[in-house]
Amino acid sequence: MDPGTSVGSSSSCGRRSHWCSVAYWEQRTRVGRLYPAHEPSLSIFYDLPQGTGLCLGQLNAVANASNGHHHDGGAGHRGNRSHRAGSGGSSTGSCVQRTRNKIGYGIVLSQEPDGVWVYNRSHHPVFVHSPTLDLPNPVRGLTVRRVMPGYSLKVFDYDKSSWILQQGMEPPGGLEGPYDPHSVRISFAKGWGPCYSRQFITSCPCWVEVLLNTHR
């Protein structure tokens, strides 16, 4: 069975251990469950004909059809909770809906020997932060990188991560919620941080948190 054939599916007998889990957020609202990635390459998309991977549109459909909804206090929690999407008012909901429409073919996450790469397959930029992108000058605070359509970026460097842990470096300023040195946050179409009007990723309409499992 392909891991993309069901949303939030658990690993089956004999399957390799997942190398990361992905949480989808719409501003401060978690949508759906954590999605475990077992294959080295994972597609994350909203609209991809005959595509396999994590379909964010399907997560929304499942979350909206669910009878039980709970509110999560912030990003970075690993509980498997399901939430209603776009529940913050009409203006917030319309902003989220416009951004959903821009995700399209989305991104591909690729686990490589030197780290984790992201390839942008959509028609709009994506914005990325990870602990290894903050080097070499963490005093500047949060570093958010823009990845244009058709381009790729190494979003998590294993060697740099090991160096950060050995040095015992403090997390950069401008973070909201628990700090995880093995996570990557990716926002679709909207940037955040010191150079943008949105200071925190929880103000971005649609974003994912990639929780790495193989480099801890």
N, C-alpha and C. Protein backbone atom coordinates (compact mmCIF):
# COMPACT_ATOMS: atom_id res chain seq x y z
N MET A 1 0.85 -1.19 0.00
CA MET A 1 0.00 0.00 0.00
C MET A 1 0.88 1.24 0.00
N ASP A 2 0.56 2.20 -0.83
CA ASP A 2 1.31 3.44 -0.86
C ASP A 2 0.95 4.27 0.37
N PRO A 3 1.95 4.92 1.04
CA PRO A 3 1.65 5.67 2.25
C PRO A 3 0.74 6.86 2.00
N GLY A 4 0.56 7.25 0.74
CA GLY A 4 -0.30 8.39 0.46
C GLY A 4 -1.74 8.02 0.21
N THR A 5 -2.09 6.76 0.32
CA THR A 5 -3.45 6.36 -0.01
C THR A 5 -4.42 6.64 1.11
N SER A 6 -3.95 6.96 2.30
CA SER A 6 -4.85 7.31 3.38
C SER A 6 -4.24 8.44 4.19
N VAL A 7 -5.09 9.22 4.82
CA VAL A 7 -4.63 10.37 5.59
C VAL A 7 -4.36 9.95 7.01
N GLY A 8 -3.15 10.27 7.50
CA GLY A 8 -2.82 9.97 8.89
C GLY A 8 -2.73 8.49 9.17
N SER A 9 -2.41 7.69 8.17
CA SER A 9 -2.35 6.25 8.37
C SER A 9 -1.14 5.88 9.20
N SER A 10 -1.27 4.84 10.00
CA SER A 10 -0.14 4.36 10.78
C SER A 10 0.64 3.35 9.96
N SER A 11 1.88 3.11 10.38
CA SER A 11 2.72 2.19 9.62
C SER A 11 2.20 0.77 9.77
N SER A 12 2.34 0.02 8.68
CA SER A 12 1.87 -1.35 8.69
C SER A 12 3.03 -2.28 8.99
N CYS A 13 2.71 -3.57 9.15
CA CYS A 13 3.70 -4.58 9.52
C CYS A 13 4.81 -4.63 8.48
N GLY A 14 6.05 -4.61 8.92
CA GLY A 14 7.16 -4.76 8.01
C GLY A 14 7.59 -3.47 7.34
N ARG A 15 6.88 -2.37 7.54
CA ARG A 15 7.24 -1.12 6.91
C ARG A 15 8.39 -0.48 7.67
N ARG A 16 9.28 0.21 6.94
CA ARG A 16 10.38 0.90 7.58
C ARG A 16 9.85 2.00 8.51
N SER A 17 10.65 2.33 9.52
CA SER A 17 10.23 3.37 10.46
C SER A 17 10.14 4.71 9.75
N HIS A 18 9.22 5.55 10.18
CA HIS A 18 9.06 6.85 9.54
C HIS A 18 10.25 7.74 9.87
N TRP A 19 10.68 8.55 8.90
CA TRP A 19 11.80 9.45 9.11
C TRP A 19 11.35 10.85 9.54
N CYS A 20 10.07 11.14 9.31
CA CYS A 20 9.52 12.40 9.80
C CYS A 20 8.01 12.28 9.93
N SER A 21 7.42 13.20 10.67
CA SER A 21 5.97 13.35 10.72
C SER A 21 5.63 14.78 10.35
N VAL A 22 4.51 14.97 9.67
CA VAL A 22 4.12 16.30 9.19
C VAL A 22 2.80 16.70 9.82
N ALA A 23 2.77 17.90 10.40
CA ALA A 23 1.53 18.48 10.93
C ALA A 23 1.13 19.65 10.05
N TYR A 24 -0.14 19.71 9.69
CA TYR A 24 -0.66 20.81 8.87
C TYR A 24 -1.43 21.78 9.75
N TRP A 25 -1.13 23.06 9.58
CA TRP A 25 -1.74 24.12 10.39
C TRP A 25 -2.38 25.17 9.49
N GLU A 26 -3.48 25.75 9.94
CA GLU A 26 -4.04 26.96 9.35
C GLU A 26 -4.08 28.00 10.45
N GLN A 27 -3.10 28.91 10.41
CA GLN A 27 -2.82 29.84 11.50
C GLN A 27 -2.56 29.05 12.78
N ARG A 28 -3.36 29.23 13.83
CA ARG A 28 -3.11 28.52 15.09
C ARG A 28 -3.87 27.20 15.19
N THR A 29 -4.53 26.81 14.14
CA THR A 29 -5.40 25.64 14.20
C THR A 29 -4.75 24.44 13.51
N ARG A 30 -4.57 23.37 14.25
CA ARG A 30 -4.08 22.12 13.67
C ARG A 30 -5.21 21.46 12.90
N VAL A 31 -4.91 21.02 11.70
CA VAL A 31 -5.90 20.37 10.85
C VAL A 31 -5.47 18.92 10.63
N GLY A 32 -6.28 17.98 11.09
CA GLY A 32 -5.96 16.57 10.88
C GLY A 32 -4.89 16.05 11.82
N ARG A 33 -4.48 14.85 11.55
CA ARG A 33 -3.49 14.17 12.40
C ARG A 33 -2.09 14.30 11.83
N LEU A 34 -1.12 13.91 12.64
CA LEU A 34 0.25 13.82 12.15
C LEU A 34 0.32 12.79 11.03
N TYR A 35 1.06 13.13 9.99
CA TYR A 35 1.21 12.22 8.85
C TYR A 35 2.64 11.68 8.86
N PRO A 36 2.84 10.37 9.06
CA PRO A 36 4.19 9.81 9.07
C PRO A 36 4.70 9.55 7.65
N ALA A 37 5.95 9.90 7.39
CA ALA A 37 6.57 9.66 6.09
C ALA A 37 7.52 8.48 6.21
N HIS A 38 7.25 7.43 5.45
CA HIS A 38 8.08 6.23 5.49
C HIS A 38 9.04 6.15 4.30
N GLU A 39 8.64 6.71 3.17
CA GLU A 39 9.50 6.70 1.99
C GLU A 39 10.40 7.94 2.00
N PRO A 40 11.56 7.88 1.33
CA PRO A 40 12.50 9.01 1.35
C PRO A 40 11.92 10.29 0.75
N SER A 41 10.94 10.18 -0.13
CA SER A 41 10.35 11.35 -0.77
C SER A 41 8.87 11.45 -0.41
N LEU A 42 8.43 12.65 -0.03
CA LEU A 42 7.04 12.86 0.35
C LEU A 42 6.50 14.09 -0.36
N SER A 43 5.40 13.92 -1.10
CA SER A 43 4.71 15.05 -1.72
C SER A 43 3.66 15.59 -0.76
N ILE A 44 3.61 16.91 -0.63
CA ILE A 44 2.60 17.59 0.18
C ILE A 44 1.90 18.58 -0.74
N PHE A 45 0.61 18.40 -0.96
CA PHE A 45 -0.08 19.17 -1.99
C PHE A 45 -1.53 19.40 -1.61
N TYR A 46 -2.16 20.31 -2.34
CA TYR A 46 -3.59 20.54 -2.15
C TYR A 46 -4.38 20.02 -3.34
N ASP A 47 -3.77 20.12 -4.52
CA ASP A 47 -4.46 19.71 -5.74
C ASP A 47 -3.44 19.09 -6.69
N LEU A 48 -3.38 17.77 -6.71
CA LEU A 48 -2.45 17.06 -7.58
C LEU A 48 -3.16 15.85 -8.16
N PRO A 49 -3.58 15.93 -9.43
CA PRO A 49 -4.31 14.80 -10.02
C PRO A 49 -3.51 13.51 -9.94
N GLN A 50 -4.13 12.48 -9.41
CA GLN A 50 -3.54 11.16 -9.30
C GLN A 50 -2.25 11.17 -8.48
N GLY A 51 -2.13 12.15 -7.59
CA GLY A 51 -0.92 12.24 -6.77
C GLY A 51 -1.02 11.38 -5.53
N THR A 52 0.13 10.96 -5.02
CA THR A 52 0.19 10.22 -3.75
C THR A 52 1.05 11.01 -2.78
N GLY A 53 0.71 10.94 -1.52
CA GLY A 53 1.42 11.68 -0.50
C GLY A 53 0.42 12.27 0.47
N LEU A 54 0.73 13.44 1.01
CA LEU A 54 -0.14 14.12 1.97
C LEU A 54 -0.99 15.15 1.24
N CYS A 55 -2.28 14.88 1.11
CA CYS A 55 -3.22 15.79 0.45
C CYS A 55 -3.86 16.67 1.51
N LEU A 56 -3.51 17.95 1.52
CA LEU A 56 -4.03 18.87 2.53
C LEU A 56 -5.53 19.10 2.35
N GLY A 57 -5.99 19.05 1.11
CA GLY A 57 -7.42 19.19 0.86
C GLY A 57 -8.21 18.06 1.49
N GLN A 58 -7.66 16.86 1.45
CA GLN A 58 -8.34 15.72 2.07
C GLN A 58 -8.33 15.84 3.59
N LEU A 59 -7.24 16.38 4.15
CA LEU A 59 -7.20 16.61 5.59
C LEU A 59 -8.31 17.57 6.01
N ASN A 60 -8.50 18.62 5.21
CA ASN A 60 -9.56 19.58 5.52
C ASN A 60 -10.93 18.93 5.47
N ALA A 61 -11.15 18.09 4.46
CA ALA A 61 -12.45 17.43 4.33
C ALA A 61 -12.72 16.53 5.53
N VAL A 62 -11.70 15.79 5.95
CA VAL A 62 -11.87 14.89 7.10
C VAL A 62 -12.12 15.69 8.37
N ALA A 63 -11.35 16.79 8.56
CA ALA A 63 -11.50 17.60 9.77
C ALA A 63 -12.88 18.25 9.84
N ASN A 64 -13.37 18.76 8.73
CA ASN A 64 -14.66 19.43 8.72
C ASN A 64 -15.82 18.46 8.89
N ALA A 65 -15.62 17.20 8.51
CA ALA A 65 -16.69 16.21 8.64
C ALA A 65 -16.73 15.60 10.03
N SER A 66 -15.66 15.82 10.81
CA SER A 66 -15.59 15.22 12.14
C SER A 66 -16.56 15.91 13.09
N ASN A 67 -17.11 15.16 14.02
CA ASN A 67 -18.05 15.73 14.99
C ASN A 67 -17.34 16.38 16.16
N GLY A 68 -16.14 15.91 16.50
CA GLY A 68 -15.44 16.43 17.67
C GLY A 68 -14.33 17.35 17.27
N HIS A 69 -14.30 18.58 17.80
CA HIS A 69 -13.26 19.55 17.50
C HIS A 69 -12.69 20.08 18.80
N HIS A 70 -11.36 20.20 18.86
CA HIS A 70 -10.71 20.71 20.05
C HIS A 70 -9.74 21.78 19.61
N HIS A 71 -9.47 22.73 20.50
CA HIS A 71 -8.53 23.81 20.17
C HIS A 71 -7.18 23.51 20.80
N ASP A 72 -6.13 23.70 19.99
CA ASP A 72 -4.76 23.51 20.47
C ASP A 72 -4.16 24.87 20.78
N GLY A 73 -3.44 24.97 21.89
CA GLY A 73 -2.95 26.26 22.33
C GLY A 73 -1.82 26.83 21.51
N GLY A 74 -1.16 26.06 20.66
CA GLY A 74 -0.07 26.61 19.89
C GLY A 74 0.61 25.54 19.09
N ALA A 75 1.63 25.96 18.29
CA ALA A 75 2.33 25.01 17.44
C ALA A 75 3.34 24.22 18.23
N GLY A 76 3.78 23.12 17.64
CA GLY A 76 4.85 22.34 18.21
C GLY A 76 4.40 21.16 19.04
N HIS A 77 3.09 20.92 19.18
CA HIS A 77 2.61 19.80 19.96
C HIS A 77 2.39 18.61 19.04
N ARG A 78 2.66 17.41 19.54
CA ARG A 78 2.63 16.22 18.72
C ARG A 78 1.40 15.38 18.93
N GLY A 79 0.41 15.89 19.63
CA GLY A 79 -0.82 15.12 19.85
C GLY A 79 -1.59 14.95 18.56
N ASN A 80 -2.27 13.81 18.41
CA ASN A 80 -3.05 13.53 17.21
C ASN A 80 -4.47 14.06 17.37
N ARG A 81 -4.63 15.37 17.25
CA ARG A 81 -5.93 15.98 17.38
C ARG A 81 -6.41 16.46 16.02
N SER A 82 -7.72 16.51 15.87
CA SER A 82 -8.30 16.98 14.62
C SER A 82 -9.07 18.26 14.88
N HIS A 83 -8.94 19.24 13.96
CA HIS A 83 -9.52 20.54 14.20
C HIS A 83 -10.28 21.03 12.98
N ARG A 84 -11.18 21.99 13.23
CA ARG A 84 -11.92 22.62 12.15
C ARG A 84 -11.04 23.66 11.49
N ALA A 85 -11.03 23.70 10.17
CA ALA A 85 -10.19 24.64 9.45
C ALA A 85 -10.89 25.97 9.28
N GLY A 86 -10.09 27.06 9.34
CA GLY A 86 -10.58 28.38 9.02
C GLY A 86 -11.72 28.84 9.88
N SER A 87 -11.64 28.67 11.20
CA SER A 87 -12.75 29.00 12.08
C SER A 87 -12.58 30.36 12.75
N GLY A 88 -11.67 31.20 12.28
CA GLY A 88 -11.38 32.45 12.96
C GLY A 88 -12.10 33.64 12.41
N GLY A 89 -13.29 33.50 11.83
CA GLY A 89 -14.02 34.63 11.29
C GLY A 89 -13.97 34.65 9.79
N SER A 90 -14.83 35.49 9.19
CA SER A 90 -14.96 35.48 7.73
C SER A 90 -13.71 36.00 7.04
N SER A 91 -13.09 37.09 7.57
CA SER A 91 -11.90 37.63 6.92
C SER A 91 -10.74 36.66 7.02
N THR A 92 -10.58 36.05 8.19
CA THR A 92 -9.54 35.04 8.36
C THR A 92 -9.80 33.84 7.46
N GLY A 93 -11.06 33.40 7.42
CA GLY A 93 -11.39 32.25 6.59
C GLY A 93 -11.14 32.50 5.12
N SER A 94 -11.43 33.72 4.64
CA SER A 94 -11.21 34.01 3.23
C SER A 94 -9.73 34.07 2.91
N CYS A 95 -8.92 34.58 3.84
CA CYS A 95 -7.47 34.61 3.64
C CYS A 95 -6.92 33.20 3.57
N VAL A 96 -7.39 32.33 4.46
CA VAL A 96 -6.97 30.93 4.43
C VAL A 96 -7.39 30.28 3.13
N GLN A 97 -8.61 30.53 2.68
CA GLN A 97 -9.09 29.91 1.46
C GLN A 97 -8.28 30.37 0.25
N ARG A 98 -7.94 31.65 0.19
CA ARG A 98 -7.12 32.15 -0.93
C ARG A 98 -5.75 31.47 -0.94
N THR A 99 -5.19 31.28 0.24
CA THR A 99 -3.87 30.64 0.30
C THR A 99 -3.96 29.16 -0.04
N ARG A 100 -5.02 28.49 0.40
CA ARG A 100 -5.22 27.09 0.00
C ARG A 100 -5.18 26.97 -1.52
N ASN A 101 -5.84 27.91 -2.20
CA ASN A 101 -5.91 27.85 -3.66
C ASN A 101 -4.55 28.04 -4.32
N LYS A 102 -3.59 28.60 -3.58
CA LYS A 102 -2.26 28.84 -4.13
C LYS A 102 -1.31 27.65 -3.91
N ILE A 103 -1.69 26.71 -3.06
CA ILE A 103 -0.79 25.59 -2.75
C ILE A 103 -0.60 24.70 -3.97
N GLY A 104 -1.70 24.36 -4.64
CA GLY A 104 -1.62 23.59 -5.87
C GLY A 104 -0.85 22.29 -5.71
N TYR A 105 0.20 22.13 -6.54
CA TYR A 105 1.02 20.91 -6.49
C TYR A 105 1.94 20.88 -5.29
N GLY A 106 2.06 21.99 -4.58
CA GLY A 106 2.75 22.01 -3.30
C GLY A 106 4.25 21.81 -3.36
N ILE A 107 4.74 20.97 -2.46
CA ILE A 107 6.17 20.77 -2.29
C ILE A 107 6.49 19.28 -2.23
N VAL A 108 7.77 18.97 -2.41
CA VAL A 108 8.28 17.62 -2.19
C VAL A 108 9.38 17.70 -1.13
N LEU A 109 9.24 16.91 -0.08
CA LEU A 109 10.29 16.75 0.92
C LEU A 109 11.12 15.53 0.55
N SER A 110 12.43 15.68 0.58
CA SER A 110 13.31 14.58 0.19
C SER A 110 14.38 14.36 1.25
N GLN A 111 14.44 13.14 1.76
CA GLN A 111 15.47 12.77 2.73
C GLN A 111 16.71 12.31 1.97
N GLU A 112 17.81 13.06 2.12
CA GLU A 112 19.07 12.77 1.44
C GLU A 112 20.15 12.46 2.48
N PRO A 113 21.30 11.90 2.04
CA PRO A 113 22.36 11.59 3.01
C PRO A 113 22.86 12.80 3.79
N ASP A 114 22.81 13.99 3.19
CA ASP A 114 23.35 15.18 3.86
C ASP A 114 22.30 15.99 4.60
N GLY A 115 21.03 15.63 4.46
CA GLY A 115 19.99 16.39 5.12
C GLY A 115 18.65 16.25 4.43
N VAL A 116 17.78 17.21 4.68
CA VAL A 116 16.43 17.20 4.12
C VAL A 116 16.29 18.37 3.16
N TRP A 117 15.79 18.08 1.97
CA TRP A 117 15.60 19.09 0.93
C TRP A 117 14.12 19.30 0.68
N VAL A 118 13.77 20.52 0.24
CA VAL A 118 12.41 20.80 -0.19
C VAL A 118 12.46 21.32 -1.63
N TYR A 119 11.55 20.83 -2.45
CA TYR A 119 11.42 21.29 -3.83
C TYR A 119 10.04 21.90 -3.98
N ASN A 120 9.99 23.13 -4.50
CA ASN A 120 8.73 23.85 -4.64
C ASN A 120 8.11 23.57 -6.01
N ARG A 121 7.00 22.84 -6.01
CA ARG A 121 6.31 22.51 -7.26
C ARG A 121 5.12 23.43 -7.53
N SER A 122 4.83 24.33 -6.61
CA SER A 122 3.67 25.21 -6.79
C SER A 122 4.04 26.39 -7.68
N HIS A 123 3.05 27.27 -7.92
CA HIS A 123 3.28 28.47 -8.72
C HIS A 123 3.55 29.69 -7.85
N HIS A 124 3.73 29.48 -6.56
CA HIS A 124 3.97 30.57 -5.62
C HIS A 124 5.13 30.20 -4.70
N PRO A 125 5.82 31.19 -4.13
CA PRO A 125 6.94 30.86 -3.24
C PRO A 125 6.47 30.19 -1.96
N VAL A 126 7.38 29.44 -1.35
CA VAL A 126 7.16 28.93 0.00
C VAL A 126 8.27 29.51 0.88
N PHE A 127 8.00 29.58 2.17
CA PHE A 127 8.92 30.21 3.11
C PHE A 127 9.27 29.21 4.20
N VAL A 128 10.56 29.14 4.53
CA VAL A 128 11.07 28.04 5.35
C VAL A 128 11.92 28.56 6.50
N HIS A 129 11.76 27.93 7.66
CA HIS A 129 12.69 28.14 8.77
C HIS A 129 13.06 26.79 9.37
N SER A 130 14.34 26.65 9.69
CA SER A 130 14.81 25.50 10.47
C SER A 130 16.02 25.96 11.27
N PRO A 131 16.37 25.25 12.34
CA PRO A 131 17.52 25.66 13.15
C PRO A 131 18.82 25.75 12.35
N THR A 132 19.00 24.91 11.33
CA THR A 132 20.26 24.94 10.59
C THR A 132 20.31 26.06 9.57
N LEU A 133 19.20 26.72 9.29
CA LEU A 133 19.21 27.87 8.40
C LEU A 133 19.58 29.15 9.14
N ASP A 134 19.58 29.14 10.48
CA ASP A 134 19.90 30.33 11.26
C ASP A 134 21.40 30.61 11.32
N LEU A 135 22.24 29.64 10.99
CA LEU A 135 23.68 29.84 11.02
C LEU A 135 24.11 30.71 9.84
N PRO A 136 25.28 31.40 9.95
CA PRO A 136 26.23 31.36 11.07
C PRO A 136 26.07 32.51 12.06
N ASN A 137 25.02 33.30 11.94
CA ASN A 137 24.89 34.48 12.80
C ASN A 137 23.56 34.47 13.53
N PRO A 138 23.44 33.63 14.56
CA PRO A 138 22.16 33.51 15.25
C PRO A 138 21.73 34.76 16.00
N VAL A 139 22.67 35.72 16.18
CA VAL A 139 22.33 36.94 16.89
C VAL A 139 21.26 37.73 16.14
N ARG A 140 21.19 37.57 14.84
CA ARG A 140 20.21 38.30 14.04
C ARG A 140 18.80 37.81 14.30
N GLY A 141 18.66 36.68 14.93
CA GLY A 141 17.33 36.14 15.20
C GLY A 141 16.88 35.20 14.10
N LEU A 142 15.58 35.07 14.00
CA LEU A 142 14.97 34.09 13.10
C LEU A 142 15.32 34.37 11.65
N THR A 143 15.75 33.34 10.93
CA THR A 143 16.04 33.45 9.50
C THR A 143 15.00 32.65 8.73
N VAL A 144 14.24 33.34 7.89
CA VAL A 144 13.23 32.70 7.05
C VAL A 144 13.68 32.81 5.60
N ARG A 145 13.79 31.68 4.94
CA ARG A 145 14.25 31.64 3.56
C ARG A 145 13.07 31.45 2.61
N ARG A 146 13.14 32.14 1.47
CA ARG A 146 12.11 32.02 0.45
C ARG A 146 12.58 31.08 -0.65
N VAL A 147 11.74 30.14 -1.02
CA VAL A 147 12.04 29.19 -2.10
C VAL A 147 11.05 29.46 -3.23
N MET A 148 11.57 29.92 -4.35
CA MET A 148 10.71 30.28 -5.47
C MET A 148 10.22 29.03 -6.21
N PRO A 149 9.16 29.16 -7.00
CA PRO A 149 8.65 28.02 -7.77
C PRO A 149 9.73 27.42 -8.66
N GLY A 150 9.82 26.09 -8.65
CA GLY A 150 10.80 25.40 -9.47
C GLY A 150 12.17 25.27 -8.85
N TYR A 151 12.36 25.80 -7.65
CA TYR A 151 13.66 25.76 -6.99
C TYR A 151 13.62 24.83 -5.77
N SER A 152 14.81 24.45 -5.31
CA SER A 152 14.92 23.57 -4.14
C SER A 152 15.90 24.18 -3.15
N LEU A 153 15.83 23.72 -1.91
CA LEU A 153 16.69 24.21 -0.85
C LEU A 153 16.90 23.11 0.18
N LYS A 154 18.15 22.99 0.67
CA LYS A 154 18.40 22.08 1.78
C LYS A 154 17.92 22.78 3.05
N VAL A 155 16.82 22.30 3.59
CA VAL A 155 16.18 22.99 4.71
C VAL A 155 16.65 22.47 6.07
N PHE A 156 17.31 21.32 6.08
CA PHE A 156 17.85 20.80 7.34
C PHE A 156 19.15 20.08 7.03
N ASP A 157 20.24 20.57 7.65
CA ASP A 157 21.58 20.03 7.43
C ASP A 157 21.98 19.20 8.64
N TYR A 158 22.23 17.90 8.43
CA TYR A 158 22.55 17.01 9.54
C TYR A 158 23.83 17.42 10.27
N ASP A 159 24.88 17.78 9.52
CA ASP A 159 26.14 18.15 10.15
C ASP A 159 25.99 19.43 10.98
N LYS A 160 25.30 20.42 10.42
CA LYS A 160 25.09 21.67 11.16
C LYS A 160 24.25 21.43 12.41
N SER A 161 23.28 20.53 12.30
CA SER A 161 22.44 20.23 13.45
C SER A 161 23.27 19.62 14.58
N SER A 162 24.17 18.70 14.23
CA SER A 162 25.03 18.10 15.24
C SER A 162 25.93 19.15 15.89
N TRP A 163 26.43 20.08 15.07
CA TRP A 163 27.29 21.15 15.60
C TRP A 163 26.51 22.04 16.56
N ILE A 164 25.28 22.38 16.21
CA ILE A 164 24.45 23.22 17.07
C ILE A 164 24.23 22.55 18.43
N LEU A 165 23.94 21.25 18.40
CA LEU A 165 23.70 20.53 19.65
C LEU A 165 24.97 20.45 20.49
N GLN A 166 26.13 20.26 19.83
CA GLN A 166 27.39 20.20 20.56
C GLN A 166 27.73 21.53 21.22
N GLN A 167 27.39 22.63 20.52
CA GLN A 167 27.70 23.96 21.04
C GLN A 167 26.70 24.41 22.10
N GLY A 168 25.57 23.72 22.18
CA GLY A 168 24.55 24.12 23.15
C GLY A 168 23.98 25.50 22.88
N MET A 169 23.80 25.83 21.60
CA MET A 169 23.34 27.16 21.23
C MET A 169 21.89 27.39 21.64
N GLU A 170 21.60 28.63 22.00
CA GLU A 170 20.25 29.02 22.38
C GLU A 170 19.40 29.18 21.12
N PRO A 171 18.09 28.94 21.22
CA PRO A 171 17.22 29.16 20.06
C PRO A 171 17.16 30.63 19.69
N PRO A 172 16.94 30.95 18.42
CA PRO A 172 16.89 32.36 17.99
C PRO A 172 15.67 33.06 18.54
N GLY A 173 15.71 34.39 18.55
CA GLY A 173 14.54 35.16 18.94
C GLY A 173 13.48 35.12 17.85
N GLY A 174 12.28 35.52 18.20
CA GLY A 174 11.21 35.56 17.21
C GLY A 174 10.46 34.26 17.04
N LEU A 175 10.69 33.31 17.94
CA LEU A 175 9.97 32.04 17.86
C LEU A 175 8.73 32.10 18.73
N GLU A 176 7.70 31.37 18.32
CA GLU A 176 6.49 31.25 19.13
C GLU A 176 6.21 29.78 19.34
N GLY A 177 5.87 29.41 20.56
CA GLY A 177 5.60 28.01 20.86
C GLY A 177 6.87 27.28 21.23
N PRO A 178 6.76 26.00 21.58
CA PRO A 178 7.91 25.19 21.98
C PRO A 178 8.97 25.13 20.88
N TYR A 179 10.23 25.13 21.27
CA TYR A 179 11.34 25.06 20.32
C TYR A 179 11.77 23.61 20.14
N ASP A 180 11.79 23.16 18.92
CA ASP A 180 12.24 21.80 18.59
C ASP A 180 13.43 21.92 17.65
N PRO A 181 14.64 21.54 18.08
CA PRO A 181 15.82 21.67 17.21
C PRO A 181 15.82 20.72 16.03
N HIS A 182 14.82 19.83 15.94
CA HIS A 182 14.75 18.88 14.83
C HIS A 182 13.46 19.07 14.03
N SER A 183 13.02 20.31 13.90
CA SER A 183 11.80 20.57 13.14
C SER A 183 12.05 21.61 12.07
N VAL A 184 11.24 21.55 11.03
CA VAL A 184 11.27 22.51 9.93
C VAL A 184 9.86 23.05 9.76
N ARG A 185 9.73 24.35 9.61
CA ARG A 185 8.42 24.97 9.41
C ARG A 185 8.37 25.61 8.03
N ILE A 186 7.31 25.32 7.29
CA ILE A 186 7.18 25.78 5.91
C ILE A 186 5.82 26.42 5.72
N SER A 187 5.80 27.67 5.27
CA SER A 187 4.56 28.40 5.02
C SER A 187 4.34 28.53 3.51
N PHE A 188 3.12 28.28 3.09
CA PHE A 188 2.78 28.38 1.68
C PHE A 188 2.38 29.82 1.34
N ALA A 189 3.10 30.44 0.41
CA ALA A 189 2.75 31.73 -0.21
C ALA A 189 2.98 32.94 0.69
N LYS A 190 2.99 32.79 2.00
CA LYS A 190 3.12 33.92 2.91
C LYS A 190 4.35 33.76 3.80
N GLY A 191 5.15 34.84 3.88
CA GLY A 191 6.33 34.82 4.72
C GLY A 191 6.04 35.34 6.12
N TRP A 192 6.99 35.15 7.01
CA TRP A 192 6.87 35.65 8.39
C TRP A 192 8.26 35.94 8.93
N GLY A 193 8.31 36.62 10.06
CA GLY A 193 9.59 36.92 10.67
C GLY A 193 9.92 38.40 10.59
N PRO A 194 11.18 38.76 10.89
CA PRO A 194 11.58 40.17 10.99
C PRO A 194 11.35 40.98 9.71
N CYS A 195 11.39 40.33 8.55
CA CYS A 195 11.27 41.05 7.27
C CYS A 195 9.84 41.10 6.74
N TYR A 196 8.88 40.60 7.50
CA TYR A 196 7.50 40.51 7.00
C TYR A 196 6.54 41.08 8.03
N SER A 197 5.33 41.38 7.56
CA SER A 197 4.32 41.93 8.47
C SER A 197 3.87 40.90 9.50
N ARG A 198 3.90 39.63 9.13
CA ARG A 198 3.57 38.57 10.08
C ARG A 198 4.83 38.19 10.87
N GLN A 199 4.81 38.41 12.16
CA GLN A 199 5.99 38.14 12.97
C GLN A 199 6.14 36.66 13.31
N PHE A 200 5.03 35.96 13.40
CA PHE A 200 5.05 34.55 13.80
C PHE A 200 4.38 33.69 12.74
N ILE A 201 4.84 32.46 12.61
CA ILE A 201 4.26 31.57 11.61
C ILE A 201 2.81 31.25 11.92
N THR A 202 2.41 31.37 13.17
CA THR A 202 1.01 31.10 13.52
C THR A 202 0.07 32.17 12.98
N SER A 203 0.61 33.23 12.38
CA SER A 203 -0.22 34.21 11.67
C SER A 203 -0.33 33.88 10.18
N CYS A 204 0.42 32.88 9.72
CA CYS A 204 0.36 32.50 8.30
C CYS A 204 -0.86 31.62 8.05
N PRO A 205 -1.52 31.80 6.91
CA PRO A 205 -2.77 31.06 6.65
C PRO A 205 -2.59 29.55 6.58
N CYS A 206 -1.58 29.08 5.86
CA CYS A 206 -1.41 27.64 5.63
C CYS A 206 0.07 27.29 5.77
N TRP A 207 0.37 26.37 6.68
CA TRP A 207 1.77 26.00 6.87
C TRP A 207 1.88 24.59 7.43
N VAL A 208 3.06 24.02 7.29
CA VAL A 208 3.29 22.68 7.80
C VAL A 208 4.51 22.69 8.72
N GLU A 209 4.49 21.79 9.68
CA GLU A 209 5.62 21.57 10.57
C GLU A 209 6.13 20.16 10.34
N VAL A 210 7.40 20.06 9.97
CA VAL A 210 8.03 18.77 9.69
C VAL A 210 8.85 18.38 10.91
N LEU A 211 8.43 17.31 11.58
CA LEU A 211 9.08 16.85 12.81
C LEU A 211 9.98 15.66 12.46
N LEU A 212 11.27 15.90 12.44
CA LEU A 212 12.23 14.88 12.01
C LEU A 212 12.40 13.82 13.08
N ASN A 213 12.47 12.57 12.64
CA ASN A 213 12.54 11.44 13.55
C ASN A 213 13.86 10.69 13.48
N THR A 214 14.62 10.89 12.41
CA THR A 214 15.80 10.07 12.18
C THR A 214 17.09 10.71 12.67
N HIS A 215 17.05 11.97 13.07
CA HIS A 215 18.29 12.65 13.45
C HIS A 215 18.12 13.26 14.84
N ARG A 216 17.82 12.39 15.81
CA ARG A 216 17.63 12.86 17.18
C ARG A 216 18.66 12.21 18.11
